[in-house]
Amino acid sequence: QGQLVEFGGGLVQAGGSLRLACEASGHIPNAHTMGWFRSSPGKERDLGDFVAGITRSGSRLLYSDAVKGRFTVSVDTANSTVYLKKNNLNTEDKAVYYCYQDPTVGGRIWGQGTQVTVSS
């Protein structure tokens, strides 16, 4: 069973930038879509909000209105890594960020989450 591991969370000042990475390890059937959700502190992952998604080829991208124009999702297919570059962060972006992949076989796979804190 494959796993997803997020990297790059931490503390950043408002207006700053962070880049999250989500690496796949083990066997994960080719994912047709992948992306990111986030959950506010104290909120369970399954009650979180969609942030950004991308197709495996990178040809189609989707963003929530809250992050459109500030966040960029990208994929490195060769390394099975999905990135989320976040610019102009504000305190409302404080959350646990979870990456996901939707493999062609089986259900959605989630990462364990990485905390992002934005100070004012």
N, C-alpha and C. Protein backbone atom coordinates (compact mmCIF):
# COMPACT_ATOMS: atom_id res chain seq x y z
N GLN A 1 0.84 -1.20 0.00
CA GLN A 1 0.00 0.00 0.00
C GLN A 1 0.87 1.24 0.00
N GLY A 2 0.62 2.13 -0.93
CA GLY A 2 1.40 3.34 -1.00
C GLY A 2 0.97 4.36 0.03
N GLN A 3 1.85 5.32 0.24
CA GLN A 3 1.57 6.39 1.20
C GLN A 3 1.94 7.74 0.60
N LEU A 4 1.34 8.77 1.15
CA LEU A 4 1.66 10.14 0.79
C LEU A 4 2.22 10.85 2.01
N VAL A 5 3.28 11.61 1.82
CA VAL A 5 3.91 12.34 2.92
C VAL A 5 4.08 13.79 2.50
N GLU A 6 3.57 14.70 3.34
CA GLU A 6 3.69 16.12 3.05
C GLU A 6 4.94 16.71 3.71
N PHE A 7 5.51 17.72 3.06
CA PHE A 7 6.66 18.45 3.59
C PHE A 7 6.42 19.94 3.37
N GLY A 8 7.07 20.77 4.20
CA GLY A 8 7.12 22.19 3.92
C GLY A 8 6.24 23.06 4.78
N GLY A 9 5.49 22.48 5.69
CA GLY A 9 4.69 23.32 6.57
C GLY A 9 5.56 24.06 7.56
N GLY A 10 4.96 25.01 8.28
CA GLY A 10 5.71 25.75 9.28
C GLY A 10 5.06 27.08 9.57
N LEU A 11 5.86 27.97 10.15
CA LEU A 11 5.39 29.29 10.56
C LEU A 11 5.89 30.32 9.56
N VAL A 12 5.00 31.19 9.14
CA VAL A 12 5.37 32.25 8.20
C VAL A 12 4.60 33.51 8.55
N GLN A 13 5.18 34.65 8.26
CA GLN A 13 4.50 35.92 8.52
C GLN A 13 3.48 36.21 7.42
N ALA A 14 2.47 36.94 7.77
CA ALA A 14 1.48 37.36 6.78
C ALA A 14 2.17 38.09 5.64
N GLY A 15 1.76 37.75 4.42
CA GLY A 15 2.39 38.31 3.25
C GLY A 15 3.52 37.45 2.70
N GLY A 16 3.95 36.47 3.48
CA GLY A 16 5.04 35.60 3.08
C GLY A 16 4.60 34.46 2.20
N SER A 17 5.56 33.57 1.92
CA SER A 17 5.31 32.44 1.01
C SER A 17 5.80 31.14 1.62
N LEU A 18 5.20 30.06 1.17
CA LEU A 18 5.61 28.71 1.54
C LEU A 18 5.35 27.80 0.36
N ARG A 19 6.15 26.73 0.26
CA ARG A 19 5.86 25.72 -0.74
C ARG A 19 5.73 24.37 -0.04
N LEU A 20 4.60 23.73 -0.24
CA LEU A 20 4.37 22.40 0.28
C LEU A 20 4.67 21.37 -0.80
N ALA A 21 5.16 20.23 -0.37
CA ALA A 21 5.40 19.12 -1.29
C ALA A 21 4.72 17.87 -0.75
N CYS A 22 4.25 17.05 -1.64
CA CYS A 22 3.60 15.80 -1.27
C CYS A 22 4.24 14.69 -2.07
N GLU A 23 4.97 13.84 -1.40
CA GLU A 23 5.69 12.76 -2.07
C GLU A 23 4.98 11.43 -1.87
N ALA A 24 4.94 10.66 -2.93
CA ALA A 24 4.33 9.32 -2.86
C ALA A 24 5.43 8.29 -2.66
N SER A 25 5.18 7.36 -1.77
CA SER A 25 6.11 6.25 -1.57
C SER A 25 5.34 4.94 -1.63
N GLY A 26 6.04 3.90 -1.97
CA GLY A 26 5.37 2.62 -2.12
C GLY A 26 4.57 2.60 -3.41
N HIS A 27 3.74 1.61 -3.52
CA HIS A 27 2.97 1.44 -4.75
C HIS A 27 1.64 2.14 -4.65
N ILE A 28 1.46 3.13 -5.53
CA ILE A 28 0.17 3.79 -5.68
C ILE A 28 -0.21 3.71 -7.14
N PRO A 29 -1.32 3.04 -7.45
CA PRO A 29 -1.75 3.00 -8.86
C PRO A 29 -1.82 4.41 -9.42
N ASN A 30 -1.48 4.56 -10.66
CA ASN A 30 -1.45 5.89 -11.28
C ASN A 30 -2.68 6.70 -10.90
N ALA A 31 -2.43 7.88 -10.38
CA ALA A 31 -3.52 8.75 -9.96
C ALA A 31 -3.96 9.60 -11.14
N HIS A 32 -5.28 9.73 -11.33
CA HIS A 32 -5.75 10.58 -12.42
C HIS A 32 -5.91 12.02 -11.97
N THR A 33 -6.12 12.22 -10.68
CA THR A 33 -6.15 13.58 -10.14
C THR A 33 -5.47 13.58 -8.77
N MET A 34 -4.99 14.72 -8.38
CA MET A 34 -4.33 14.87 -7.07
C MET A 34 -4.46 16.33 -6.66
N GLY A 35 -4.19 16.59 -5.39
CA GLY A 35 -4.32 17.98 -4.97
C GLY A 35 -4.26 18.14 -3.47
N TRP A 36 -4.91 19.21 -2.98
CA TRP A 36 -4.80 19.60 -1.58
C TRP A 36 -6.14 20.03 -1.00
N PHE A 37 -6.34 19.67 0.27
CA PHE A 37 -7.40 20.17 1.11
C PHE A 37 -6.76 20.84 2.31
N ARG A 38 -7.55 21.56 3.07
CA ARG A 38 -7.06 22.09 4.34
C ARG A 38 -8.17 22.10 5.37
N SER A 39 -7.76 21.94 6.62
CA SER A 39 -8.70 21.95 7.73
C SER A 39 -8.26 22.97 8.76
N SER A 40 -9.19 23.77 9.23
CA SER A 40 -8.89 24.75 10.28
C SER A 40 -8.53 24.00 11.55
N PRO A 41 -7.79 24.66 12.44
CA PRO A 41 -7.41 24.02 13.70
C PRO A 41 -8.61 23.45 14.44
N GLY A 42 -8.51 22.23 14.86
CA GLY A 42 -9.60 21.58 15.58
C GLY A 42 -10.64 20.92 14.70
N LYS A 43 -10.52 21.10 13.41
CA LYS A 43 -11.49 20.53 12.48
C LYS A 43 -10.93 19.25 11.88
N GLU A 44 -11.76 18.24 11.74
CA GLU A 44 -11.29 17.00 11.15
C GLU A 44 -11.03 17.16 9.66
N ARG A 45 -10.13 16.33 9.17
CA ARG A 45 -9.76 16.39 7.75
C ARG A 45 -10.97 16.26 6.84
N ASP A 46 -11.84 15.35 7.13
CA ASP A 46 -12.98 15.11 6.26
C ASP A 46 -13.96 16.27 6.23
N LEU A 47 -13.81 17.21 7.14
CA LEU A 47 -14.66 18.40 7.15
C LEU A 47 -13.90 19.60 6.61
N GLY A 48 -12.75 19.34 6.02
CA GLY A 48 -11.94 20.42 5.50
C GLY A 48 -12.43 20.96 4.19
N ASP A 49 -11.67 21.91 3.66
CA ASP A 49 -12.05 22.61 2.44
C ASP A 49 -11.09 22.27 1.30
N PHE A 50 -11.64 22.12 0.12
CA PHE A 50 -10.82 21.93 -1.07
C PHE A 50 -9.99 23.18 -1.30
N VAL A 51 -8.72 22.97 -1.67
CA VAL A 51 -7.82 24.09 -1.95
C VAL A 51 -7.47 24.13 -3.43
N ALA A 52 -6.91 23.03 -3.93
CA ALA A 52 -6.46 23.02 -5.33
C ALA A 52 -6.37 21.58 -5.81
N GLY A 53 -6.58 21.39 -7.10
CA GLY A 53 -6.47 20.07 -7.70
C GLY A 53 -5.83 20.16 -9.06
N ILE A 54 -5.26 19.04 -9.51
CA ILE A 54 -4.56 19.01 -10.79
C ILE A 54 -4.66 17.60 -11.36
N THR A 55 -4.75 17.51 -12.67
CA THR A 55 -4.73 16.21 -13.31
C THR A 55 -3.30 15.72 -13.42
N ARG A 56 -3.14 14.42 -13.62
CA ARG A 56 -1.80 13.83 -13.65
C ARG A 56 -0.93 14.47 -14.72
N SER A 57 -1.52 14.80 -15.83
CA SER A 57 -0.76 15.41 -16.92
C SER A 57 -0.45 16.87 -16.65
N GLY A 58 -1.14 17.45 -15.67
CA GLY A 58 -0.94 18.87 -15.39
C GLY A 58 -1.72 19.78 -16.30
N SER A 59 -2.57 19.19 -17.13
CA SER A 59 -3.26 20.00 -18.13
C SER A 59 -4.49 20.70 -17.58
N ARG A 60 -5.02 20.23 -16.49
CA ARG A 60 -6.20 20.86 -15.91
C ARG A 60 -5.95 21.16 -14.45
N LEU A 61 -6.25 22.39 -14.03
CA LEU A 61 -6.07 22.82 -12.67
C LEU A 61 -7.36 23.44 -12.16
N LEU A 62 -7.55 23.33 -10.87
CA LEU A 62 -8.74 23.89 -10.24
C LEU A 62 -8.34 24.46 -8.89
N TYR A 63 -8.89 25.65 -8.57
CA TYR A 63 -8.58 26.30 -7.30
C TYR A 63 -9.86 26.75 -6.62
N SER A 64 -9.82 26.79 -5.30
CA SER A 64 -10.92 27.39 -4.58
C SER A 64 -10.84 28.91 -4.75
N ASP A 65 -11.96 29.57 -4.58
CA ASP A 65 -11.97 31.03 -4.70
C ASP A 65 -11.07 31.69 -3.67
N ALA A 66 -10.94 31.04 -2.52
CA ALA A 66 -10.16 31.63 -1.42
C ALA A 66 -8.67 31.73 -1.75
N VAL A 67 -8.18 30.88 -2.65
CA VAL A 67 -6.74 30.86 -2.91
C VAL A 67 -6.39 31.21 -4.34
N LYS A 68 -7.38 31.35 -5.20
CA LYS A 68 -7.13 31.62 -6.60
C LYS A 68 -6.31 32.90 -6.75
N GLY A 69 -5.27 32.83 -7.55
CA GLY A 69 -4.41 33.97 -7.77
C GLY A 69 -3.25 34.06 -6.79
N ARG A 70 -3.31 33.30 -5.70
CA ARG A 70 -2.24 33.32 -4.70
C ARG A 70 -1.50 31.98 -4.62
N PHE A 71 -2.22 30.89 -4.83
CA PHE A 71 -1.63 29.57 -4.73
C PHE A 71 -1.47 28.97 -6.11
N THR A 72 -0.44 28.13 -6.27
CA THR A 72 -0.20 27.43 -7.53
C THR A 72 0.06 25.96 -7.24
N VAL A 73 -0.70 25.09 -7.88
CA VAL A 73 -0.51 23.66 -7.73
C VAL A 73 0.24 23.15 -8.97
N SER A 74 1.15 22.22 -8.76
CA SER A 74 1.91 21.66 -9.88
C SER A 74 2.25 20.21 -9.55
N VAL A 75 2.65 19.46 -10.57
CA VAL A 75 2.95 18.05 -10.38
C VAL A 75 4.23 17.69 -11.10
N ASP A 76 5.05 16.89 -10.46
CA ASP A 76 6.23 16.29 -11.07
C ASP A 76 5.93 14.81 -11.19
N THR A 77 5.45 14.41 -12.34
CA THR A 77 5.00 13.04 -12.52
C THR A 77 6.13 12.04 -12.36
N ALA A 78 7.31 12.39 -12.82
CA ALA A 78 8.44 11.47 -12.76
C ALA A 78 8.77 11.08 -11.31
N ASN A 79 8.58 12.03 -10.40
CA ASN A 79 8.89 11.78 -8.99
C ASN A 79 7.63 11.58 -8.14
N SER A 80 6.48 11.54 -8.79
CA SER A 80 5.21 11.34 -8.07
C SER A 80 5.05 12.35 -6.95
N THR A 81 5.39 13.60 -7.23
CA THR A 81 5.32 14.64 -6.22
C THR A 81 4.39 15.76 -6.68
N VAL A 82 3.54 16.20 -5.77
CA VAL A 82 2.63 17.32 -6.03
C VAL A 82 3.05 18.49 -5.14
N TYR A 83 3.07 19.66 -5.70
CA TYR A 83 3.50 20.85 -4.98
C TYR A 83 2.34 21.83 -4.84
N LEU A 84 2.43 22.64 -3.79
CA LEU A 84 1.49 23.75 -3.61
C LEU A 84 2.30 24.96 -3.19
N LYS A 85 2.46 25.90 -4.11
CA LYS A 85 3.20 27.13 -3.81
C LYS A 85 2.18 28.16 -3.36
N LYS A 86 2.42 28.73 -2.20
CA LYS A 86 1.48 29.65 -1.60
C LYS A 86 2.13 31.01 -1.41
N ASN A 87 1.58 32.01 -2.04
CA ASN A 87 2.10 33.37 -1.93
C ASN A 87 1.09 34.26 -1.20
N ASN A 88 1.60 35.38 -0.69
CA ASN A 88 0.74 36.37 -0.04
C ASN A 88 -0.18 35.71 1.00
N LEU A 89 0.42 34.94 1.88
CA LEU A 89 -0.35 34.24 2.89
C LEU A 89 -0.99 35.21 3.88
N ASN A 90 -2.17 34.85 4.35
CA ASN A 90 -2.82 35.63 5.40
C ASN A 90 -3.25 34.71 6.53
N THR A 91 -3.74 35.28 7.61
CA THR A 91 -4.05 34.48 8.79
C THR A 91 -5.17 33.48 8.54
N GLU A 92 -5.99 33.72 7.54
CA GLU A 92 -7.05 32.77 7.22
C GLU A 92 -6.52 31.53 6.53
N ASP A 93 -5.27 31.55 6.11
CA ASP A 93 -4.66 30.38 5.49
C ASP A 93 -4.09 29.41 6.52
N LYS A 94 -4.14 29.80 7.79
CA LYS A 94 -3.66 28.91 8.86
C LYS A 94 -4.53 27.67 8.90
N ALA A 95 -3.90 26.50 8.75
CA ALA A 95 -4.65 25.26 8.69
C ALA A 95 -3.68 24.08 8.65
N VAL A 96 -4.24 22.90 8.77
CA VAL A 96 -3.49 21.68 8.43
C VAL A 96 -3.80 21.37 6.97
N TYR A 97 -2.75 21.23 6.18
CA TYR A 97 -2.91 20.97 4.76
C TYR A 97 -2.68 19.49 4.47
N TYR A 98 -3.63 18.90 3.76
CA TYR A 98 -3.57 17.48 3.41
C TYR A 98 -3.50 17.34 1.90
N CYS A 99 -2.58 16.52 1.44
CA CYS A 99 -2.58 16.20 0.02
C CYS A 99 -3.37 14.91 -0.21
N TYR A 100 -3.81 14.73 -1.43
CA TYR A 100 -4.55 13.52 -1.77
C TYR A 100 -4.21 13.11 -3.20
N GLN A 101 -4.45 11.84 -3.47
CA GLN A 101 -4.39 11.33 -4.83
C GLN A 101 -5.58 10.41 -5.06
N ASP A 102 -6.14 10.48 -6.24
CA ASP A 102 -7.25 9.60 -6.62
C ASP A 102 -6.70 8.59 -7.63
N PRO A 103 -6.32 7.40 -7.16
CA PRO A 103 -5.75 6.42 -8.07
C PRO A 103 -6.81 5.84 -9.00
N THR A 104 -6.33 5.23 -10.07
CA THR A 104 -7.25 4.63 -11.02
C THR A 104 -7.91 3.38 -10.44
N VAL A 105 -7.29 2.81 -9.43
CA VAL A 105 -7.87 1.65 -8.75
C VAL A 105 -7.91 1.94 -7.26
N GLY A 106 -9.04 1.74 -6.62
CA GLY A 106 -9.15 1.96 -5.19
C GLY A 106 -9.60 3.37 -4.87
N GLY A 107 -9.75 3.64 -3.58
CA GLY A 107 -10.27 4.92 -3.13
C GLY A 107 -9.18 5.96 -2.94
N ARG A 108 -9.59 7.17 -2.58
CA ARG A 108 -8.68 8.30 -2.38
C ARG A 108 -7.65 7.97 -1.32
N ILE A 109 -6.42 8.40 -1.57
CA ILE A 109 -5.33 8.24 -0.61
C ILE A 109 -4.99 9.62 -0.07
N TRP A 110 -4.82 9.69 1.25
CA TRP A 110 -4.53 10.97 1.91
C TRP A 110 -3.15 10.94 2.55
N GLY A 111 -2.53 12.12 2.64
CA GLY A 111 -1.34 12.28 3.44
C GLY A 111 -1.73 12.50 4.89
N GLN A 112 -0.72 12.60 5.74
CA GLN A 112 -1.00 12.73 7.18
C GLN A 112 -1.25 14.17 7.60
N GLY A 113 -0.94 15.11 6.72
CA GLY A 113 -1.18 16.52 7.01
C GLY A 113 0.07 17.24 7.47
N THR A 114 0.15 18.51 7.14
CA THR A 114 1.25 19.36 7.60
C THR A 114 0.68 20.70 8.03
N GLN A 115 1.12 21.19 9.19
CA GLN A 115 0.57 22.40 9.78
C GLN A 115 1.20 23.64 9.15
N VAL A 116 0.36 24.58 8.81
CA VAL A 116 0.82 25.90 8.35
C VAL A 116 0.24 26.95 9.28
N THR A 117 1.12 27.76 9.86
CA THR A 117 0.70 28.83 10.76
C THR A 117 1.13 30.16 10.19
N VAL A 118 0.24 31.11 10.14
CA VAL A 118 0.53 32.43 9.59
C VAL A 118 0.37 33.45 10.71
N SER A 119 1.44 34.18 11.00
CA SER A 119 1.39 35.19 12.06
C SER A 119 1.10 36.55 11.46
N SER A 120 0.37 37.35 12.20
CA SER A 120 0.00 38.68 11.69
C SER A 120 1.07 39.71 12.02
